[in-house]
N, C-alpha and C. Protein backbone atom coordinates (compact mmCIF):
# COMPACT_ATOMS: atom_id res chain seq x y z
N MET A 1 -90.15 10.46 -109.06
CA MET A 1 -88.73 10.25 -108.86
C MET A 1 -88.38 10.62 -107.41
N ASN A 2 -87.48 9.83 -106.83
CA ASN A 2 -87.01 10.12 -105.47
C ASN A 2 -85.52 9.81 -105.39
N GLU A 3 -84.94 10.00 -104.22
CA GLU A 3 -83.50 9.80 -104.07
C GLU A 3 -83.12 8.39 -103.64
N THR A 4 -84.06 7.48 -103.63
CA THR A 4 -83.76 6.10 -103.27
C THR A 4 -82.96 5.43 -104.39
N ILE A 5 -81.88 4.79 -104.02
CA ILE A 5 -81.05 4.08 -105.00
C ILE A 5 -81.64 2.69 -105.20
N GLN A 6 -82.17 2.47 -106.39
CA GLN A 6 -82.81 1.19 -106.70
C GLN A 6 -81.83 0.18 -107.28
N GLN A 7 -80.75 0.67 -107.86
CA GLN A 7 -79.76 -0.24 -108.46
C GLN A 7 -78.96 -0.92 -107.36
N SER A 8 -78.31 -2.00 -107.72
CA SER A 8 -77.53 -2.73 -106.73
C SER A 8 -76.32 -1.92 -106.27
N LEU A 9 -75.97 -2.12 -105.03
CA LEU A 9 -74.78 -1.48 -104.47
C LEU A 9 -73.55 -2.24 -104.95
N PRO A 10 -72.38 -1.59 -104.98
CA PRO A 10 -71.16 -2.33 -105.32
C PRO A 10 -70.98 -3.51 -104.37
N ALA A 11 -70.38 -4.58 -104.87
CA ALA A 11 -70.24 -5.83 -104.11
C ALA A 11 -69.59 -5.61 -102.75
N ALA A 12 -68.57 -4.78 -102.67
CA ALA A 12 -67.83 -4.61 -101.42
C ALA A 12 -68.40 -3.51 -100.53
N TYR A 13 -69.40 -2.80 -101.00
CA TYR A 13 -69.86 -1.60 -100.29
C TYR A 13 -70.31 -1.89 -98.85
N ALA A 14 -71.16 -2.88 -98.64
CA ALA A 14 -71.69 -3.15 -97.30
C ALA A 14 -70.57 -3.49 -96.32
N ALA A 15 -69.63 -4.30 -96.75
CA ALA A 15 -68.52 -4.68 -95.87
C ALA A 15 -67.63 -3.47 -95.55
N ILE A 16 -67.38 -2.63 -96.55
CA ILE A 16 -66.57 -1.43 -96.31
C ILE A 16 -67.31 -0.48 -95.38
N ASP A 17 -68.61 -0.34 -95.59
CA ASP A 17 -69.42 0.54 -94.74
C ASP A 17 -69.37 0.09 -93.29
N GLU A 18 -69.49 -1.21 -93.06
CA GLU A 18 -69.43 -1.75 -91.70
C GLU A 18 -68.06 -1.49 -91.07
N ALA A 19 -67.00 -1.75 -91.84
CA ALA A 19 -65.63 -1.51 -91.33
C ALA A 19 -65.38 -0.04 -91.11
N THR A 20 -65.96 0.80 -91.94
CA THR A 20 -65.81 2.25 -91.81
C THR A 20 -66.42 2.72 -90.49
N LYS A 21 -67.62 2.27 -90.22
CA LYS A 21 -68.30 2.65 -88.97
C LYS A 21 -67.50 2.16 -87.76
N ALA A 22 -66.98 0.94 -87.83
CA ALA A 22 -66.20 0.39 -86.72
C ALA A 22 -64.89 1.16 -86.52
N SER A 23 -64.36 1.73 -87.58
CA SER A 23 -63.07 2.44 -87.50
C SER A 23 -63.20 3.84 -86.91
N GLY A 24 -64.42 4.37 -86.92
CA GLY A 24 -64.62 5.73 -86.44
C GLY A 24 -64.44 6.79 -87.51
N PHE A 25 -64.21 6.39 -88.74
CA PHE A 25 -64.05 7.34 -89.84
C PHE A 25 -65.40 8.00 -90.12
N THR A 26 -65.42 9.34 -90.11
CA THR A 26 -66.69 10.07 -90.23
C THR A 26 -66.77 10.96 -91.47
N MET A 27 -65.82 10.84 -92.37
CA MET A 27 -65.80 11.76 -93.50
C MET A 27 -66.07 11.05 -94.84
N ALA A 28 -66.79 9.96 -94.78
CA ALA A 28 -67.10 9.20 -95.99
C ALA A 28 -68.05 9.99 -96.90
N SER A 29 -67.91 9.77 -98.18
CA SER A 29 -68.78 10.44 -99.15
C SER A 29 -70.21 9.93 -99.02
N ASP A 30 -71.15 10.83 -99.23
CA ASP A 30 -72.57 10.55 -99.22
C ASP A 30 -72.90 9.48 -100.26
N ILE A 31 -73.83 8.59 -99.96
CA ILE A 31 -74.17 7.50 -100.89
C ILE A 31 -74.74 8.03 -102.20
N LEU A 32 -75.45 9.16 -102.16
CA LEU A 32 -75.95 9.75 -103.40
C LEU A 32 -74.79 10.24 -104.26
N THR A 33 -73.80 10.85 -103.63
CA THR A 33 -72.59 11.26 -104.35
C THR A 33 -71.94 10.04 -104.98
N CYS A 34 -71.83 8.97 -104.20
CA CYS A 34 -71.20 7.75 -104.70
C CYS A 34 -71.94 7.20 -105.92
N SER A 35 -73.25 7.23 -105.88
CA SER A 35 -74.03 6.76 -107.02
C SER A 35 -73.72 7.57 -108.27
N LEU A 36 -73.59 8.89 -108.12
CA LEU A 36 -73.23 9.74 -109.25
C LEU A 36 -71.82 9.44 -109.73
N LEU A 37 -70.91 9.19 -108.80
CA LEU A 37 -69.53 8.85 -109.19
C LEU A 37 -69.51 7.60 -110.07
N ARG A 38 -70.32 6.62 -109.72
CA ARG A 38 -70.39 5.39 -110.52
C ARG A 38 -70.93 5.70 -111.92
N THR A 39 -72.00 6.47 -111.99
CA THR A 39 -72.60 6.81 -113.28
C THR A 39 -71.60 7.56 -114.16
N LEU A 40 -70.92 8.53 -113.59
CA LEU A 40 -69.94 9.29 -114.36
C LEU A 40 -68.75 8.42 -114.77
N ALA A 41 -68.37 7.48 -113.92
CA ALA A 41 -67.27 6.57 -114.27
C ALA A 41 -67.62 5.74 -115.51
N ALA A 42 -68.88 5.37 -115.62
CA ALA A 42 -69.31 4.57 -116.78
C ALA A 42 -69.21 5.35 -118.09
N SER A 43 -69.09 6.68 -118.00
CA SER A 43 -69.00 7.51 -119.20
C SER A 43 -67.58 7.58 -119.77
N LYS A 44 -66.63 6.94 -119.10
CA LYS A 44 -65.22 7.02 -119.51
C LYS A 44 -64.64 5.62 -119.75
N PRO A 45 -65.13 4.90 -120.78
CA PRO A 45 -64.57 3.56 -121.04
C PRO A 45 -63.09 3.64 -121.37
N GLY A 46 -62.33 2.69 -120.84
CA GLY A 46 -60.89 2.68 -121.05
C GLY A 46 -60.21 3.88 -120.41
N GLY A 47 -60.85 4.46 -119.40
CA GLY A 47 -60.38 5.70 -118.81
C GLY A 47 -59.29 5.54 -117.77
N LYS A 48 -58.64 6.65 -117.56
CA LYS A 48 -57.60 6.76 -116.53
C LYS A 48 -58.20 7.63 -115.42
N PHE A 49 -58.38 7.04 -114.22
CA PHE A 49 -59.10 7.66 -113.13
C PHE A 49 -58.15 8.00 -111.98
N LEU A 50 -58.47 9.10 -111.26
CA LEU A 50 -57.72 9.51 -110.08
C LEU A 50 -58.69 9.89 -108.99
N GLU A 51 -58.46 9.35 -107.80
CA GLU A 51 -59.23 9.74 -106.62
C GLU A 51 -58.25 10.27 -105.59
N LEU A 52 -58.44 11.52 -105.21
CA LEU A 52 -57.61 12.15 -104.19
C LEU A 52 -58.40 12.14 -102.88
N GLY A 53 -58.04 11.22 -102.00
CA GLY A 53 -58.74 11.05 -100.74
C GLY A 53 -59.57 9.79 -100.72
N THR A 54 -58.93 8.66 -100.58
CA THR A 54 -59.60 7.36 -100.57
C THR A 54 -60.47 7.18 -99.34
N GLY A 55 -59.98 7.65 -98.20
CA GLY A 55 -60.65 7.33 -96.94
C GLY A 55 -60.60 5.82 -96.75
N THR A 56 -61.75 5.22 -96.51
CA THR A 56 -61.82 3.77 -96.30
C THR A 56 -62.22 3.02 -97.58
N GLY A 57 -62.48 3.76 -98.64
CA GLY A 57 -62.77 3.12 -99.92
C GLY A 57 -64.23 3.04 -100.31
N LEU A 58 -65.11 3.71 -99.57
CA LEU A 58 -66.53 3.66 -99.93
C LEU A 58 -66.76 4.24 -101.32
N SER A 59 -66.28 5.45 -101.55
CA SER A 59 -66.46 6.05 -102.89
C SER A 59 -65.66 5.29 -103.93
N THR A 60 -64.52 4.78 -103.54
CA THR A 60 -63.67 4.00 -104.45
C THR A 60 -64.43 2.80 -105.00
N SER A 61 -65.21 2.14 -104.12
CA SER A 61 -65.97 0.96 -104.57
C SER A 61 -66.99 1.34 -105.64
N TRP A 62 -67.58 2.49 -105.52
CA TRP A 62 -68.57 2.95 -106.50
C TRP A 62 -67.89 3.33 -107.82
N ILE A 63 -66.76 4.01 -107.74
CA ILE A 63 -66.04 4.37 -108.97
C ILE A 63 -65.65 3.09 -109.72
N LEU A 64 -65.08 2.14 -108.99
CA LEU A 64 -64.70 0.86 -109.61
C LEU A 64 -65.90 0.16 -110.23
N ASP A 65 -67.04 0.24 -109.57
CA ASP A 65 -68.24 -0.42 -110.06
C ASP A 65 -68.71 0.17 -111.39
N GLY A 66 -68.42 1.44 -111.63
CA GLY A 66 -68.79 2.08 -112.89
C GLY A 66 -67.76 1.94 -113.99
N MET A 67 -66.54 1.64 -113.62
CA MET A 67 -65.44 1.52 -114.59
C MET A 67 -65.55 0.23 -115.38
N ASP A 68 -65.05 0.26 -116.61
CA ASP A 68 -64.99 -0.98 -117.39
C ASP A 68 -63.67 -1.69 -117.12
N ALA A 69 -63.51 -2.85 -117.73
CA ALA A 69 -62.33 -3.69 -117.48
C ALA A 69 -61.03 -3.08 -117.97
N ASP A 70 -61.10 -2.14 -118.90
CA ASP A 70 -59.90 -1.52 -119.46
C ASP A 70 -59.50 -0.23 -118.76
N SER A 71 -60.25 0.19 -117.77
CA SER A 71 -59.96 1.42 -117.04
C SER A 71 -59.03 1.15 -115.86
N THR A 72 -58.34 2.20 -115.41
CA THR A 72 -57.47 2.10 -114.24
C THR A 72 -57.77 3.26 -113.28
N LEU A 73 -57.55 3.00 -112.01
CA LEU A 73 -57.79 3.99 -110.97
C LEU A 73 -56.61 4.04 -110.02
N VAL A 74 -56.10 5.25 -109.80
CA VAL A 74 -55.12 5.50 -108.74
C VAL A 74 -55.88 6.24 -107.65
N SER A 75 -55.84 5.72 -106.44
CA SER A 75 -56.53 6.34 -105.32
C SER A 75 -55.54 6.52 -104.18
N ILE A 76 -55.42 7.77 -103.71
CA ILE A 76 -54.42 8.06 -102.68
C ILE A 76 -55.06 8.58 -101.40
N ASP A 77 -54.39 8.30 -100.30
CA ASP A 77 -54.78 8.84 -99.00
C ASP A 77 -53.56 8.85 -98.10
N HIS A 78 -53.53 9.79 -97.18
CA HIS A 78 -52.39 9.89 -96.26
C HIS A 78 -52.52 8.99 -95.04
N ASP A 79 -53.72 8.49 -94.76
CA ASP A 79 -53.94 7.69 -93.56
C ASP A 79 -53.91 6.20 -93.88
N GLY A 80 -52.83 5.56 -93.51
CA GLY A 80 -52.64 4.14 -93.81
C GLY A 80 -53.65 3.24 -93.13
N ASP A 81 -54.13 3.63 -91.94
CA ASP A 81 -55.12 2.80 -91.24
C ASP A 81 -56.44 2.74 -92.00
N PHE A 82 -56.88 3.88 -92.49
CA PHE A 82 -58.14 3.91 -93.25
C PHE A 82 -57.94 3.28 -94.62
N LEU A 83 -56.81 3.56 -95.24
CA LEU A 83 -56.54 2.98 -96.56
C LEU A 83 -56.45 1.45 -96.48
N ALA A 84 -56.04 0.92 -95.33
CA ALA A 84 -55.97 -0.54 -95.15
C ALA A 84 -57.35 -1.18 -95.27
N ILE A 85 -58.40 -0.45 -94.90
CA ILE A 85 -59.76 -0.96 -95.05
C ILE A 85 -60.08 -1.09 -96.54
N ALA A 86 -59.76 -0.04 -97.30
CA ALA A 86 -59.98 -0.09 -98.75
C ALA A 86 -59.19 -1.23 -99.37
N ASP A 87 -57.96 -1.39 -98.93
CA ASP A 87 -57.12 -2.45 -99.49
C ASP A 87 -57.67 -3.83 -99.17
N ARG A 88 -58.19 -4.00 -97.97
CA ARG A 88 -58.74 -5.31 -97.58
C ARG A 88 -59.88 -5.74 -98.50
N PHE A 89 -60.72 -4.80 -98.90
CA PHE A 89 -61.91 -5.15 -99.69
C PHE A 89 -61.77 -4.88 -101.19
N LEU A 90 -60.82 -4.03 -101.57
CA LEU A 90 -60.70 -3.65 -102.98
C LEU A 90 -59.33 -3.94 -103.59
N GLY A 91 -58.37 -4.25 -102.75
CA GLY A 91 -56.99 -4.40 -103.20
C GLY A 91 -56.76 -5.51 -104.21
N SER A 92 -57.64 -6.48 -104.26
CA SER A 92 -57.46 -7.58 -105.23
C SER A 92 -57.93 -7.20 -106.64
N ASP A 93 -58.55 -6.04 -106.78
CA ASP A 93 -59.01 -5.57 -108.10
C ASP A 93 -57.80 -5.00 -108.84
N SER A 94 -57.42 -5.64 -109.93
CA SER A 94 -56.20 -5.24 -110.65
C SER A 94 -56.31 -3.87 -111.31
N ARG A 95 -57.50 -3.31 -111.37
CA ARG A 95 -57.68 -1.99 -111.99
C ARG A 95 -57.30 -0.85 -111.06
N VAL A 96 -57.20 -1.13 -109.75
CA VAL A 96 -56.97 -0.07 -108.78
C VAL A 96 -55.58 -0.17 -108.16
N LYS A 97 -54.97 1.00 -107.98
CA LYS A 97 -53.71 1.11 -107.25
C LYS A 97 -53.99 2.03 -106.07
N LEU A 98 -53.89 1.50 -104.86
CA LEU A 98 -54.10 2.27 -103.64
C LEU A 98 -52.74 2.71 -103.10
N VAL A 99 -52.61 4.01 -102.85
CA VAL A 99 -51.31 4.56 -102.47
C VAL A 99 -51.44 5.35 -101.17
N THR A 100 -50.63 4.96 -100.18
CA THR A 100 -50.56 5.72 -98.93
C THR A 100 -49.46 6.76 -99.09
N THR A 101 -49.85 8.02 -99.10
CA THR A 101 -48.88 9.09 -99.30
C THR A 101 -49.49 10.42 -98.92
N ASP A 102 -48.65 11.41 -98.78
CA ASP A 102 -49.08 12.78 -98.58
C ASP A 102 -49.61 13.33 -99.91
N GLY A 103 -50.78 13.95 -99.88
CA GLY A 103 -51.41 14.45 -101.10
C GLY A 103 -50.54 15.45 -101.85
N GLU A 104 -49.97 16.40 -101.15
CA GLU A 104 -49.13 17.41 -101.80
C GLU A 104 -47.92 16.76 -102.47
N GLN A 105 -47.28 15.87 -101.76
CA GLN A 105 -46.10 15.18 -102.30
C GLN A 105 -46.48 14.38 -103.55
N TRP A 106 -47.60 13.67 -103.49
CA TRP A 106 -48.00 12.85 -104.64
C TRP A 106 -48.32 13.72 -105.85
N VAL A 107 -49.12 14.75 -105.66
CA VAL A 107 -49.48 15.63 -106.79
C VAL A 107 -48.23 16.23 -107.41
N LYS A 108 -47.35 16.77 -106.58
CA LYS A 108 -46.15 17.43 -107.11
C LYS A 108 -45.23 16.46 -107.85
N SER A 109 -45.27 15.19 -107.50
CA SER A 109 -44.41 14.22 -108.18
C SER A 109 -45.09 13.55 -109.38
N HIS A 110 -46.34 13.93 -109.67
CA HIS A 110 -47.08 13.36 -110.80
C HIS A 110 -47.70 14.43 -111.69
N LEU A 111 -47.07 15.58 -111.75
CA LEU A 111 -47.63 16.72 -112.49
C LEU A 111 -47.82 16.45 -113.98
N LYS A 112 -47.06 15.54 -114.54
CA LYS A 112 -47.17 15.26 -115.98
C LYS A 112 -48.25 14.24 -116.31
N GLU A 113 -48.83 13.64 -115.29
CA GLU A 113 -49.90 12.65 -115.51
C GLU A 113 -51.18 13.36 -115.94
N ARG A 114 -51.97 12.69 -116.77
CA ARG A 114 -53.25 13.24 -117.23
C ARG A 114 -54.34 12.18 -117.02
N TYR A 115 -55.50 12.63 -116.59
CA TYR A 115 -56.59 11.73 -116.22
C TYR A 115 -57.89 12.12 -116.92
N ASP A 116 -58.72 11.11 -117.17
CA ASP A 116 -60.04 11.32 -117.76
C ASP A 116 -61.07 11.70 -116.71
N TYR A 117 -60.75 11.44 -115.45
CA TYR A 117 -61.73 11.57 -114.36
C TYR A 117 -60.94 11.78 -113.08
N VAL A 118 -61.20 12.90 -112.42
CA VAL A 118 -60.56 13.18 -111.13
C VAL A 118 -61.65 13.47 -110.11
N PHE A 119 -61.71 12.64 -109.07
CA PHE A 119 -62.58 12.91 -107.94
C PHE A 119 -61.69 13.44 -106.83
N ALA A 120 -61.79 14.73 -106.57
CA ALA A 120 -60.95 15.38 -105.57
C ALA A 120 -61.72 15.50 -104.27
N ASP A 121 -61.46 14.60 -103.37
CA ASP A 121 -62.18 14.54 -102.09
C ASP A 121 -61.24 14.83 -100.93
N THR A 122 -60.26 15.66 -101.18
CA THR A 122 -59.31 16.04 -100.15
C THR A 122 -58.84 17.47 -100.41
N TRP A 123 -58.26 18.09 -99.41
CA TRP A 123 -57.81 19.48 -99.53
C TRP A 123 -56.84 19.67 -100.69
N HIS A 124 -55.99 18.68 -100.94
CA HIS A 124 -54.98 18.84 -102.00
C HIS A 124 -55.59 18.76 -103.39
N GLY A 125 -56.81 18.41 -103.50
CA GLY A 125 -57.46 18.40 -104.80
C GLY A 125 -58.41 19.55 -104.99
N LYS A 126 -58.71 20.26 -103.89
CA LYS A 126 -59.68 21.35 -103.93
C LYS A 126 -59.04 22.68 -103.55
N TYR A 127 -58.61 22.78 -102.32
CA TYR A 127 -58.19 24.07 -101.76
C TYR A 127 -56.69 24.31 -101.88
N LEU A 128 -55.94 23.26 -101.94
CA LEU A 128 -54.49 23.35 -102.10
C LEU A 128 -54.14 22.72 -103.45
N LEU A 129 -53.22 23.27 -104.17
CA LEU A 129 -52.75 22.71 -105.44
C LEU A 129 -53.87 22.58 -106.48
N LEU A 130 -54.85 23.47 -106.43
CA LEU A 130 -55.97 23.40 -107.37
C LEU A 130 -55.48 23.49 -108.81
N GLU A 131 -54.62 24.44 -109.11
CA GLU A 131 -54.14 24.61 -110.49
C GLU A 131 -53.42 23.36 -110.98
N GLU A 132 -52.61 22.78 -110.11
CA GLU A 132 -51.88 21.58 -110.49
C GLU A 132 -52.82 20.41 -110.78
N VAL A 133 -53.83 20.25 -109.95
CA VAL A 133 -54.77 19.14 -110.14
C VAL A 133 -55.63 19.38 -111.38
N LEU A 134 -56.08 20.59 -111.60
CA LEU A 134 -56.87 20.87 -112.80
C LEU A 134 -56.06 20.65 -114.07
N ALA A 135 -54.77 20.90 -114.01
CA ALA A 135 -53.90 20.65 -115.17
C ALA A 135 -53.79 19.16 -115.47
N MET A 136 -54.07 18.31 -114.48
CA MET A 136 -54.00 16.86 -114.68
C MET A 136 -55.22 16.30 -115.41
N VAL A 137 -56.26 17.11 -115.57
CA VAL A 137 -57.48 16.67 -116.23
C VAL A 137 -57.30 16.80 -117.75
N LYS A 138 -57.54 15.70 -118.46
CA LYS A 138 -57.45 15.70 -119.92
C LYS A 138 -58.59 16.52 -120.52
N PRO A 139 -58.41 17.06 -121.73
CA PRO A 139 -59.54 17.68 -122.42
C PRO A 139 -60.69 16.68 -122.52
N GLY A 140 -61.88 17.12 -122.18
CA GLY A 140 -63.04 16.24 -122.14
C GLY A 140 -63.17 15.49 -120.83
N GLY A 141 -62.18 15.64 -119.96
CA GLY A 141 -62.16 14.93 -118.69
C GLY A 141 -63.00 15.61 -117.62
N LEU A 142 -63.34 14.84 -116.60
CA LEU A 142 -64.18 15.29 -115.50
C LEU A 142 -63.36 15.64 -114.27
N TYR A 143 -63.71 16.75 -113.63
CA TYR A 143 -63.20 17.13 -112.32
C TYR A 143 -64.42 17.21 -111.42
N ILE A 144 -64.44 16.41 -110.36
CA ILE A 144 -65.61 16.27 -109.50
C ILE A 144 -65.21 16.55 -108.06
N ILE A 145 -66.00 17.41 -107.39
CA ILE A 145 -65.78 17.64 -105.96
C ILE A 145 -67.13 17.58 -105.24
N ASP A 146 -67.08 17.19 -103.98
CA ASP A 146 -68.29 17.15 -103.17
C ASP A 146 -68.08 17.97 -101.90
N ASP A 147 -69.04 17.90 -100.99
CA ASP A 147 -68.99 18.64 -99.73
C ASP A 147 -68.93 20.15 -99.95
N MET A 148 -69.69 20.64 -100.89
CA MET A 148 -69.75 22.08 -101.15
C MET A 148 -70.90 22.76 -100.41
N LEU A 149 -71.82 21.97 -99.87
CA LEU A 149 -72.85 22.50 -98.98
C LEU A 149 -72.32 22.40 -97.54
N PRO A 150 -72.75 23.27 -96.65
CA PRO A 150 -72.25 23.24 -95.27
C PRO A 150 -72.35 21.84 -94.64
N GLN A 151 -71.26 21.44 -94.00
CA GLN A 151 -71.17 20.13 -93.34
C GLN A 151 -70.96 20.33 -91.84
N ALA A 152 -71.50 19.42 -91.05
CA ALA A 152 -71.40 19.53 -89.59
C ALA A 152 -69.95 19.49 -89.11
N ASN A 153 -69.07 18.83 -89.87
CA ASN A 153 -67.68 18.67 -89.40
C ASN A 153 -66.75 19.76 -89.93
N TRP A 154 -67.27 20.79 -90.59
CA TRP A 154 -66.43 21.87 -91.09
C TRP A 154 -65.87 22.71 -89.96
N PRO A 155 -64.59 23.05 -90.03
CA PRO A 155 -64.04 23.99 -89.04
C PRO A 155 -64.60 25.39 -89.30
N GLU A 156 -64.52 26.23 -88.29
CA GLU A 156 -65.02 27.60 -88.42
C GLU A 156 -64.33 28.31 -89.60
N GLY A 157 -65.11 28.97 -90.41
CA GLY A 157 -64.58 29.72 -91.55
C GLY A 157 -64.46 28.92 -92.83
N HIS A 158 -64.67 27.60 -92.76
CA HIS A 158 -64.50 26.78 -93.95
C HIS A 158 -65.56 27.09 -95.00
N ASP A 159 -66.72 27.54 -94.56
CA ASP A 159 -67.78 27.87 -95.52
C ASP A 159 -67.33 28.93 -96.51
N GLN A 160 -66.53 29.88 -96.05
CA GLN A 160 -66.03 30.94 -96.94
C GLN A 160 -65.03 30.37 -97.96
N LYS A 161 -64.24 29.39 -97.54
CA LYS A 161 -63.31 28.74 -98.48
C LYS A 161 -64.09 28.03 -99.58
N ALA A 162 -65.16 27.33 -99.20
CA ALA A 162 -65.98 26.61 -100.18
C ALA A 162 -66.62 27.59 -101.15
N ILE A 163 -67.14 28.70 -100.65
CA ILE A 163 -67.76 29.71 -101.51
C ILE A 163 -66.74 30.26 -102.50
N ARG A 164 -65.53 30.57 -102.01
CA ARG A 164 -64.48 31.10 -102.90
C ARG A 164 -64.06 30.08 -103.95
N LEU A 165 -63.95 28.81 -103.55
CA LEU A 165 -63.57 27.76 -104.50
C LEU A 165 -64.59 27.63 -105.62
N VAL A 166 -65.85 27.59 -105.26
CA VAL A 166 -66.90 27.46 -106.28
C VAL A 166 -66.87 28.67 -107.21
N ALA A 167 -66.73 29.86 -106.65
CA ALA A 167 -66.68 31.07 -107.48
C ALA A 167 -65.48 31.04 -108.43
N GLU A 168 -64.34 30.59 -107.93
CA GLU A 168 -63.14 30.50 -108.76
C GLU A 168 -63.33 29.51 -109.91
N LEU A 169 -63.93 28.38 -109.62
CA LEU A 169 -64.16 27.39 -110.66
C LEU A 169 -65.17 27.88 -111.69
N GLU A 170 -66.19 28.61 -111.24
CA GLU A 170 -67.19 29.13 -112.16
C GLU A 170 -66.62 30.20 -113.10
N GLU A 171 -65.60 30.90 -112.66
CA GLU A 171 -64.99 31.97 -113.47
C GLU A 171 -64.02 31.44 -114.52
N ARG A 172 -63.63 30.21 -114.42
CA ARG A 172 -62.64 29.64 -115.34
C ARG A 172 -63.21 29.55 -116.75
N LYS A 173 -62.35 29.79 -117.73
CA LYS A 173 -62.75 29.70 -119.13
C LYS A 173 -62.39 28.34 -119.73
N ASP A 174 -61.57 27.55 -119.03
CA ASP A 174 -61.11 26.27 -119.58
C ASP A 174 -61.94 25.08 -119.09
N PHE A 175 -62.94 25.32 -118.27
CA PHE A 175 -63.83 24.27 -117.78
C PHE A 175 -65.28 24.73 -117.91
N VAL A 176 -66.16 23.78 -118.20
CA VAL A 176 -67.60 24.00 -118.14
C VAL A 176 -68.07 23.40 -116.83
N VAL A 177 -68.80 24.19 -116.03
CA VAL A 177 -69.10 23.81 -114.64
C VAL A 177 -70.61 23.71 -114.41
N THR A 178 -71.00 22.69 -113.65
CA THR A 178 -72.37 22.58 -113.14
C THR A 178 -72.29 22.35 -111.64
N LYS A 179 -73.07 23.14 -110.89
CA LYS A 179 -73.19 22.97 -109.45
C LYS A 179 -74.50 22.25 -109.16
N GLN A 180 -74.46 21.41 -108.14
CA GLN A 180 -75.67 20.70 -107.73
C GLN A 180 -75.84 20.85 -106.22
N ALA A 181 -76.92 21.49 -105.80
CA ALA A 181 -77.25 21.61 -104.38
C ALA A 181 -78.01 20.36 -103.97
N TRP A 182 -77.32 19.24 -104.02
CA TRP A 182 -77.90 17.91 -103.82
C TRP A 182 -76.85 17.06 -103.13
N ALA A 183 -77.27 16.06 -102.42
CA ALA A 183 -76.36 15.23 -101.64
C ALA A 183 -75.57 16.16 -100.71
N SER A 184 -74.24 16.12 -100.75
CA SER A 184 -73.44 17.00 -99.89
C SER A 184 -73.04 18.28 -100.60
N GLY A 185 -73.57 18.50 -101.79
CA GLY A 185 -73.21 19.67 -102.59
C GLY A 185 -72.09 19.29 -103.54
N LEU A 186 -72.41 19.22 -104.82
CA LEU A 186 -71.46 18.72 -105.82
C LEU A 186 -71.13 19.79 -106.84
N LEU A 187 -69.96 19.71 -107.39
CA LEU A 187 -69.57 20.50 -108.54
C LEU A 187 -68.90 19.55 -109.52
N ILE A 188 -69.40 19.58 -110.74
CA ILE A 188 -68.83 18.76 -111.81
C ILE A 188 -68.35 19.69 -112.90
N ALA A 189 -67.10 19.54 -113.30
CA ALA A 189 -66.52 20.38 -114.33
C ALA A 189 -65.91 19.50 -115.42
N VAL A 190 -66.09 19.91 -116.66
CA VAL A 190 -65.50 19.22 -117.80
C VAL A 190 -64.50 20.16 -118.45
N LYS A 191 -63.29 19.66 -118.69
CA LYS A 191 -62.25 20.48 -119.31
C LYS A 191 -62.51 20.60 -120.80
N LYS A 192 -62.48 21.83 -121.27
CA LYS A 192 -62.69 22.08 -122.70
C LYS A 192 -61.51 21.56 -123.50
N GLY A 193 -61.80 21.13 -124.73
CA GLY A 193 -60.76 20.60 -125.61
C GLY A 193 -59.96 21.70 -126.28
């Protein structure tokens, strides 16, 4: 076994990747992470999905590729220029709603929403408003975060924030947690029923 992805890439992935590189966006999710996102998405047929931090849509394309026809995805990002790339290649998919907005504002205005799958790839899903976002996860639902291993683009002191976040999630009694020192460092949590 190795880390080579043998399965086909999502249809829009190559075009989004090319546009991402041309845009200068450097915070895209690792392709191994994306592969796992697709696999986990397939475990939630008819699911309600949330992605906090669309970026240019690379991870979004993988989530959509794993979703069935009855699933829906809301994906938000504060940067309209990067979100426009996702919209160009994924916006015609009726299962996805791409929203340009401030993460804090969006979370606070959707506190009553519940999701089967939350990929939190932004500060408002991990380090800020953690309790609010975790409350949005349905019983049996997935909460997924990446970039838990040191990254070259982390500001000074961010490693301590990541360590505290992981410790906080591991101490929770309402989620079952698995950490993976793989790809960019993943944590997958399932909310207890």
